[in-house]
C-alpha atoms as a PDB file:
ATOM      1  CA  MET A   1     -36.482   9.524  61.223  1.00  0.00           C
ATOM      2  CA  GLU A   2     -36.997  11.974  58.360  1.00  0.00           C
ATOM      3  CA  LYS A   3     -33.407  13.109  58.731  1.00  0.00           C
ATOM      4  CA  LEU A   4     -32.195   9.492  58.439  1.00  0.00           C
ATOM      5  CA  ILE A   5     -34.271   8.943  55.284  1.00  0.00           C
ATOM      6  CA  LYS A   6     -32.954  12.217  53.862  1.00  0.00           C
ATOM      7  CA  ASN A   7     -29.341  11.184  54.612  1.00  0.00           C
ATOM      8  CA  ILE A   8     -29.936   7.773  53.042  1.00  0.00           C
ATOM      9  CA  ARG A   9     -31.312   9.458  49.904  1.00  0.00           C
ATOM     10  CA  ILE A  10     -28.306  11.774  49.739  1.00  0.00           C
ATOM     11  CA  ILE A  11     -25.912   8.840  50.147  1.00  0.00           C
ATOM     12  CA  ALA A  12     -27.849   6.847  47.491  1.00  0.00           C
ATOM     13  CA  ILE A  13     -27.659   9.821  45.084  1.00  0.00           C
ATOM     14  CA  LEU A  14     -23.918  10.240  45.769  1.00  0.00           C
ATOM     15  CA  VAL A  15     -23.287   6.497  45.236  1.00  0.00           C
ATOM     16  CA  LEU A  16     -25.336   6.632  42.040  1.00  0.00           C
ATOM     17  CA  PHE A  17     -23.418   9.731  40.857  1.00  0.00           C
ATOM     18  CA  ILE A  18     -20.055   8.120  41.657  1.00  0.00           C
ATOM     19  CA  GLY A  19     -21.168   5.003  39.790  1.00  0.00           C
ATOM     20  CA  VAL A  20     -22.186   7.035  36.720  1.00  0.00           C
ATOM     21  CA  VAL A  21     -18.862   8.933  36.775  1.00  0.00           C
ATOM     22  CA  PHE A  22     -16.972   5.631  37.117  1.00  0.00           C
ATOM     23  CA  LEU A  23     -18.937   4.186  34.177  1.00  0.00           C
ATOM     24  CA  ILE A  24     -18.240   7.237  32.012  1.00  0.00           C
ATOM     25  CA  VAL A  25     -14.518   7.129  32.807  1.00  0.00           C
ATOM     26  CA  ASN A  26     -14.374   3.431  31.939  1.00  0.00           C
ATOM     27  CA  VAL A  27     -16.238   4.035  28.627  1.00  0.00           C
ATOM     28  CA  VAL A  28     -13.758   6.765  27.711  1.00  0.00           C
ATOM     29  CA  ILE A  29     -10.791   4.549  28.603  1.00  0.00           C
ATOM     30  CA  ALA A  30     -12.294   1.640  26.619  1.00  0.00           C
ATOM     31  CA  ASN A  31     -12.854   3.894  23.574  1.00  0.00           C
ATOM     32  CA  LYS A  32      -9.214   5.009  23.685  1.00  0.00           C
ATOM     33  CA  LYS A  33      -8.054   1.375  23.900  1.00  0.00           C
ATOM     34  CA  ILE A  34     -10.345   0.410  20.969  1.00  0.00           C
ATOM     35  CA  SER A  35      -8.938   3.306  18.907  1.00  0.00           C
ATOM     36  CA  THR A  36      -5.384   2.176  19.676  1.00  0.00           C
ATOM     37  CA  ILE A  37      -6.227  -1.405  18.711  1.00  0.00           C
ATOM     38  CA  GLU A  38      -7.851  -0.245  15.467  1.00  0.00           C
ATOM     39  CA  LYS A  39      -4.689   1.677  14.527  1.00  0.00           C
ATOM     40  CA  GLN A  40      -2.567  -1.371  15.335  1.00  0.00           C
ATOM     41  CA  LEU A  41      -4.815  -3.533  13.125  1.00  0.00           C
ATOM     42  CA  GLU A  42      -4.508  -1.044  10.243  1.00  0.00           C
ATOM     43  CA  HIS A  43      -0.720  -1.131  10.593  1.00  0.00           C
ATOM     44  CA  MET A  44      -0.782  -4.941  10.679  1.00  0.00           C
ATOM     45  CA  ASP A  45      -2.904  -4.950   7.532  1.00  0.00           C
ATOM     46  CA  GLU A  46      -0.222  -2.833   5.786  1.00  0.00           C
ATOM     47  CA  GLU A  47       2.464  -5.214   7.044  1.00  0.00           C
ATOM     48  CA  ILE A  48       0.521  -8.167   5.646  1.00  0.00           C
ATOM     49  CA  ASP A  49       0.229  -6.421   2.245  1.00  0.00           C
ATOM     50  CA  GLU A  50       4.001  -5.818   2.243  1.00  0.00           C
ATOM     51  CA  ALA A  51       4.721  -9.434   3.228  1.00  0.00           C
ATOM     52  CA  ASN A  52       2.325 -10.711   0.521  1.00  0.00           C
ATOM     53  CA  ALA A  53       4.097  -8.551  -2.063  1.00  0.00           C
ATOM     54  CA  GLY A  54       7.447  -9.977  -0.932  1.00  0.00           C
ATOM     55  CA  VAL A  55       6.194 -13.549  -1.278  1.00  0.00           C
ATOM     56  CA  LYS A  56       4.881 -12.796  -4.777  1.00  0.00           C
ATOM     57  CA  ARG A  57       8.234 -11.350  -5.741  1.00  0.00           C
ATOM     58  CA  VAL A  58      10.151 -14.389  -4.470  1.00  0.00           C
ATOM     59  CA  LEU A  59       7.777 -16.805  -6.222  1.00  0.00           C
ATOM     60  CA  SER A  60       7.971 -14.801  -9.416  1.00  0.00           C
ATOM     61  CA  LYS A  61      11.784 -14.963  -9.361  1.00  0.00           C
ATOM     62  CA  LEU A  62      11.676 -18.728  -8.808  1.00  0.00           C
ATOM     63  CA  PHE A  63       9.339 -19.397 -11.717  1.00  0.00           C
ATOM     64  CA  PHE A  64      10.421 -16.604 -14.036  1.00  0.00           C
ATOM     65  CA  GLN A  65      14.103 -17.211 -14.917  1.00  0.00           C
ATOM     66  CA  PRO A  66      15.519 -15.432 -17.960  1.00  0.00           C
ATOM     67  CA  ASN A  67      17.133 -17.371 -20.778  1.00  0.00           C
ATOM     68  CA  GLN A  68      20.850 -16.520 -20.692  1.00  0.00           C
ATOM     69  CA  LEU A  69      22.154 -18.965 -23.292  1.00  0.00           C
ATOM     70  CA  ASP A  70      23.104 -16.410 -25.942  1.00  0.00           C
ATOM     71  CA  SER A  71      23.852 -13.082 -24.268  1.00  0.00           C
ATOM     72  CA  ALA A  72      24.167 -11.274 -27.623  1.00  0.00           C
ATOM     73  CA  LYS A  73      20.510 -12.025 -28.375  1.00  0.00           C
ATOM     74  CA  ASN A  74      18.989 -11.210 -25.004  1.00  0.00           C
ATOM     75  CA  PRO A  75      16.135  -8.804 -24.553  1.00  0.00           C
ATOM     76  CA  LYS A  76      17.119  -5.452 -23.109  1.00  0.00           C
ATOM     77  CA  VAL A  77      14.561  -3.482 -21.136  1.00  0.00           C
ATOM     78  CA  GLU A  78      14.675   0.292 -20.913  1.00  0.00           C
ATOM     79  CA  VAL A  79      12.297   2.322 -18.785  1.00  0.00           C
ATOM     80  CA  ASP A  80      11.169   5.880 -19.565  1.00  0.00           C
ATOM     81  CA  ALA A  81      11.156   6.790 -15.833  1.00  0.00           C
ATOM     82  CA  LEU A  82      11.832   4.905 -12.619  1.00  0.00           C
ATOM     83  CA  GLU A  83      10.007   7.407 -10.378  1.00  0.00           C
ATOM     84  CA  TYR A  84       6.994   9.635 -10.461  1.00  0.00           C
ATOM     85  CA  ASP A  85       5.808  12.193  -7.897  1.00  0.00           C
ATOM     86  CA  PHE A  86       2.034  12.722  -7.765  1.00  0.00           C
ATOM     87  CA  GLY A  87       2.691  15.675  -5.461  1.00  0.00           C
ATOM     88  CA  LYS A  88      -0.076  16.680  -3.083  1.00  0.00           C
ATOM     89  CA  ILE A  89      -3.436  15.000  -3.768  1.00  0.00           C
ATOM     90  CA  ARG A  90      -6.801  15.180  -2.055  1.00  0.00           C
ATOM     91  CA  LYS A  91      -8.652  12.064  -0.812  1.00  0.00           C
ATOM     92  CA  ILE A  92     -11.901  13.310  -2.301  1.00  0.00           C
ATOM     93  CA  ASP A  93     -10.413  13.289  -5.816  1.00  0.00           C
ATOM     94  CA  GLY A  94      -9.945   9.499  -5.616  1.00  0.00           C
ATOM     95  CA  ILE A  95      -7.549   7.268  -7.537  1.00  0.00           C
ATOM     96  CA  VAL A  96      -4.610   8.782  -9.417  1.00  0.00           C
ATOM     97  CA  SER A  97      -2.641   7.006 -12.137  1.00  0.00           C
ATOM     98  CA  LYS A  98       0.584   7.202 -14.153  1.00  0.00           C
ATOM     99  CA  LYS A  99       1.702   5.239 -17.201  1.00  0.00           C
ATOM    100  CA  PHE A 100       5.306   4.032 -17.466  1.00  0.00           C
ATOM    101  CA  THR A 101       6.813   2.686 -20.701  1.00  0.00           C
ATOM    102  CA  LEU A 102       9.140  -0.304 -20.954  1.00  0.00           C
ATOM    103  CA  SER A 103      10.997  -0.525 -24.258  1.00  0.00           C
ATOM    104  CA  ASN A 104      12.758  -3.601 -25.648  1.00  0.00           C
ATOM    105  CA  SER A 105      16.040  -2.498 -27.256  1.00  0.00           C
ATOM    106  CA  GLY A 106      17.423  -6.056 -27.321  1.00  0.00           C
ATOM    107  CA  GLU A 107      17.378  -8.722 -30.024  1.00  0.00           C
ATOM    108  CA  ASN A 108      14.975 -11.161 -28.403  1.00  0.00           C
ATOM    109  CA  LYS A 109      11.441 -11.037 -27.074  1.00  0.00           C
ATOM    110  CA  LEU A 110      11.027  -9.145 -23.730  1.00  0.00           C
ATOM    111  CA  ILE A 111       8.686 -10.848 -21.271  1.00  0.00           C
ATOM    112  CA  VAL A 112       7.345  -9.311 -18.053  1.00  0.00           C
ATOM    113  CA  GLY A 113       6.168 -11.532 -15.225  1.00  0.00           C
ATOM    114  CA  GLU A 114       3.596 -11.030 -12.473  1.00  0.00           C
ATOM    115  CA  ILE A 115       3.749  -7.397 -11.303  1.00  0.00           C
ATOM    116  CA  SER A 116       3.572  -6.819  -7.540  1.00  0.00           C
ATOM    117  CA  THR A 117       3.420  -3.701  -5.356  1.00  0.00           C
ATOM    118  CA  SER A 118       4.582  -2.799  -1.860  1.00  0.00           C
ATOM    119  CA  CYS A 119       1.044  -2.049  -0.635  1.00  0.00           C
ATOM    120  CA  GLY A 120      -2.570  -2.827  -1.440  1.00  0.00           C
ATOM    121  CA  CYS A 121      -3.236   0.890  -2.034  1.00  0.00           C
ATOM    122  CA  THR A 122      -1.106   0.641  -5.166  1.00  0.00           C
ATOM    123  CA  SER A 123      -1.891  -1.500  -8.227  1.00  0.00           C
ATOM    124  CA  ALA A 124      -0.198  -1.946 -11.596  1.00  0.00           C
ATOM    125  CA  GLN A 125      -1.206  -3.518 -14.860  1.00  0.00           C
ATOM    126  CA  ALA A 126       0.760  -4.086 -18.058  1.00  0.00           C
ATOM    127  CA  ASP A 127      -1.052  -3.682 -21.366  1.00  0.00           C
ATOM    128  CA  LYS A 128       0.717  -6.851 -22.597  1.00  0.00           C
ATOM    129  CA  LYS A 129       3.187  -9.426 -21.280  1.00  0.00           C
ATOM    130  CA  GLU A 130       5.580  -9.559 -24.244  1.00  0.00           C
ATOM    131  CA  ALA A 131       7.372  -7.073 -26.510  1.00  0.00           C
ATOM    132  CA  ALA A 132       9.310  -7.970 -29.636  1.00  0.00           C
ATOM    133  CA  PRO A 133      12.524  -6.068 -30.337  1.00  0.00           C
ATOM    134  CA  ASN A 134      11.837  -2.293 -30.633  1.00  0.00           C
ATOM    135  CA  GLU A 135       8.343  -2.700 -29.175  1.00  0.00           C
ATOM    136  CA  LYS A 136       6.966  -1.228 -25.965  1.00  0.00           C
ATOM    137  CA  ILE A 137       4.940  -2.327 -22.967  1.00  0.00           C
ATOM    138  CA  THR A 138       2.877   0.210 -21.054  1.00  0.00           C
ATOM    139  CA  VAL A 139       2.419  -0.285 -17.324  1.00  0.00           C
ATOM    140  CA  GLU A 140      -0.344   1.726 -15.688  1.00  0.00           C
ATOM    141  CA  VAL A 141       0.182   2.359 -11.993  1.00  0.00           C
ATOM    142  CA  LYS A 142      -2.776   3.409  -9.825  1.00  0.00           C
ATOM    143  CA  PHE A 143      -2.738   4.780  -6.274  1.00  0.00           C
ATOM    144  CA  ASP A 144      -5.895   4.853  -4.125  1.00  0.00           C
ATOM    145  CA  PRO A 145      -5.651   7.439  -1.301  1.00  0.00           C
ATOM    146  CA  ASN A 146      -8.837   6.019   0.289  1.00  0.00           C
ATOM    147  CA  PHE A 147      -7.699   2.368   0.434  1.00  0.00           C
ATOM    148  CA  HIS A 148      -6.599   2.718   4.075  1.00  0.00           C
ATOM    149  CA  GLU A 149      -5.165   5.317   6.419  1.00  0.00           C
ATOM    150  CA  GLU A 150      -1.827   6.482   4.986  1.00  0.00           C
ATOM    151  CA  PRO A 151       1.141   8.090   6.774  1.00  0.00           C
ATOM    152  CA  LYS A 152       1.264  11.840   7.213  1.00  0.00           C
ATOM    153  CA  GLY A 153       3.587  13.790   4.914  1.00  0.00           C
ATOM    154  CA  ARG A 154       5.221  12.637   1.683  1.00  0.00           C
ATOM    155  CA  PHE A 155       5.724   8.868   1.297  1.00  0.00           C
ATOM    156  CA  SER A 156       6.477   6.333  -1.420  1.00  0.00           C
ATOM    157  CA  ARG A 157       5.161   3.042  -2.742  1.00  0.00           C
ATOM    158  CA  SER A 158       7.047   0.579  -4.984  1.00  0.00           C
ATOM    159  CA  ILE A 159       6.060  -1.444  -8.032  1.00  0.00           C
ATOM    160  CA  PHE A 160       8.110  -4.522  -8.889  1.00  0.00           C
ATOM    161  CA  ILE A 161       8.218  -5.808 -12.471  1.00  0.00           C
ATOM    162  CA  PRO A 162      10.120  -9.036 -13.168  1.00  0.00           C
ATOM    163  CA  THR A 163      11.560  -9.349 -16.676  1.00  0.00           C
ATOM    164  CA  ASN A 164      13.535 -11.907 -18.685  1.00  0.00           C
ATOM    165  CA  ASP A 165      16.339  -9.365 -19.266  1.00  0.00           C
ATOM    166  CA  PRO A 166      19.279 -11.086 -17.504  1.00  0.00           C
ATOM    167  CA  ASN A 167      20.827  -7.682 -16.735  1.00  0.00           C
ATOM    168  CA  ASN A 168      17.595  -6.247 -15.297  1.00  0.00           C
ATOM    169  CA  GLN A 169      15.608  -9.145 -13.839  1.00  0.00           C
ATOM    170  CA  GLU A 170      13.464  -6.876 -11.704  1.00  0.00           C
ATOM    171  CA  ILE A 171      12.524  -3.255 -12.323  1.00  0.00           C
ATOM    172  CA  GLU A 172      11.487  -1.239  -9.268  1.00  0.00           C
ATOM    173  CA  LEU A 173       9.300   1.769 -10.016  1.00  0.00           C
ATOM    174  CA  LYS A 174       8.543   4.250  -7.266  1.00  0.00           C
ATOM    175  CA  ILE A 175       5.681   6.636  -6.835  1.00  0.00           C
ATOM    176  CA  PHE A 176       5.622   9.450  -4.313  1.00  0.00           C
ATOM    177  CA  VAL A 177       2.567  11.182  -2.884  1.00  0.00           C
ATOM    178  CA  GLU A 178       1.371  13.420  -0.090  1.00  0.00           C
ATOM    179  CA  ILE A 179      -2.303  13.193   0.860  1.00  0.00           C
ATOM    180  CA  LEU A 180      -4.250  16.310   1.851  1.00  0.00           C
ATOM    181  CA  GLU A 181      -7.341  15.822   4.006  1.00  0.00           C
ATOM    182  CA  ASN A 182      -9.534  18.129   1.861  1.00  0.00           C
END
């Protein structure tokens, strides 16, 4: 009888051990699946940001049409630089920024519309919405390396600036960056 009780205890311990191992394996598998789903959600969030920026750009073009009646007196936008490379930056250093200058070399007032960006990690703000002939508008572009998980290696983000210059109705600025973990 003692041998039977001992065998039942051994079997119970083995069943319990197998159950614990099974539970641990399922927890590990579930954690991997949750991690995969989190990465997919982050990617979807980026896709939503890009789609939102596209919608803003389309709406801006619909409501922000330049006046092309007298082409000799149109505004003419000139940009000091279309691209800027932040190089390698560290997350712990936080937001980086760059100022771009738009100059009006035309004979009529230059107007900039609603500025949009390709991703929520990038923002841009103009110091004013209008520039008379020979005046300038400064656009400050900011990039936040901690906004969300970014791709590995060097990548770019775009800034879209609608204008009433009929020959340059949308300016696309690009910033480049590579994020270091430390």
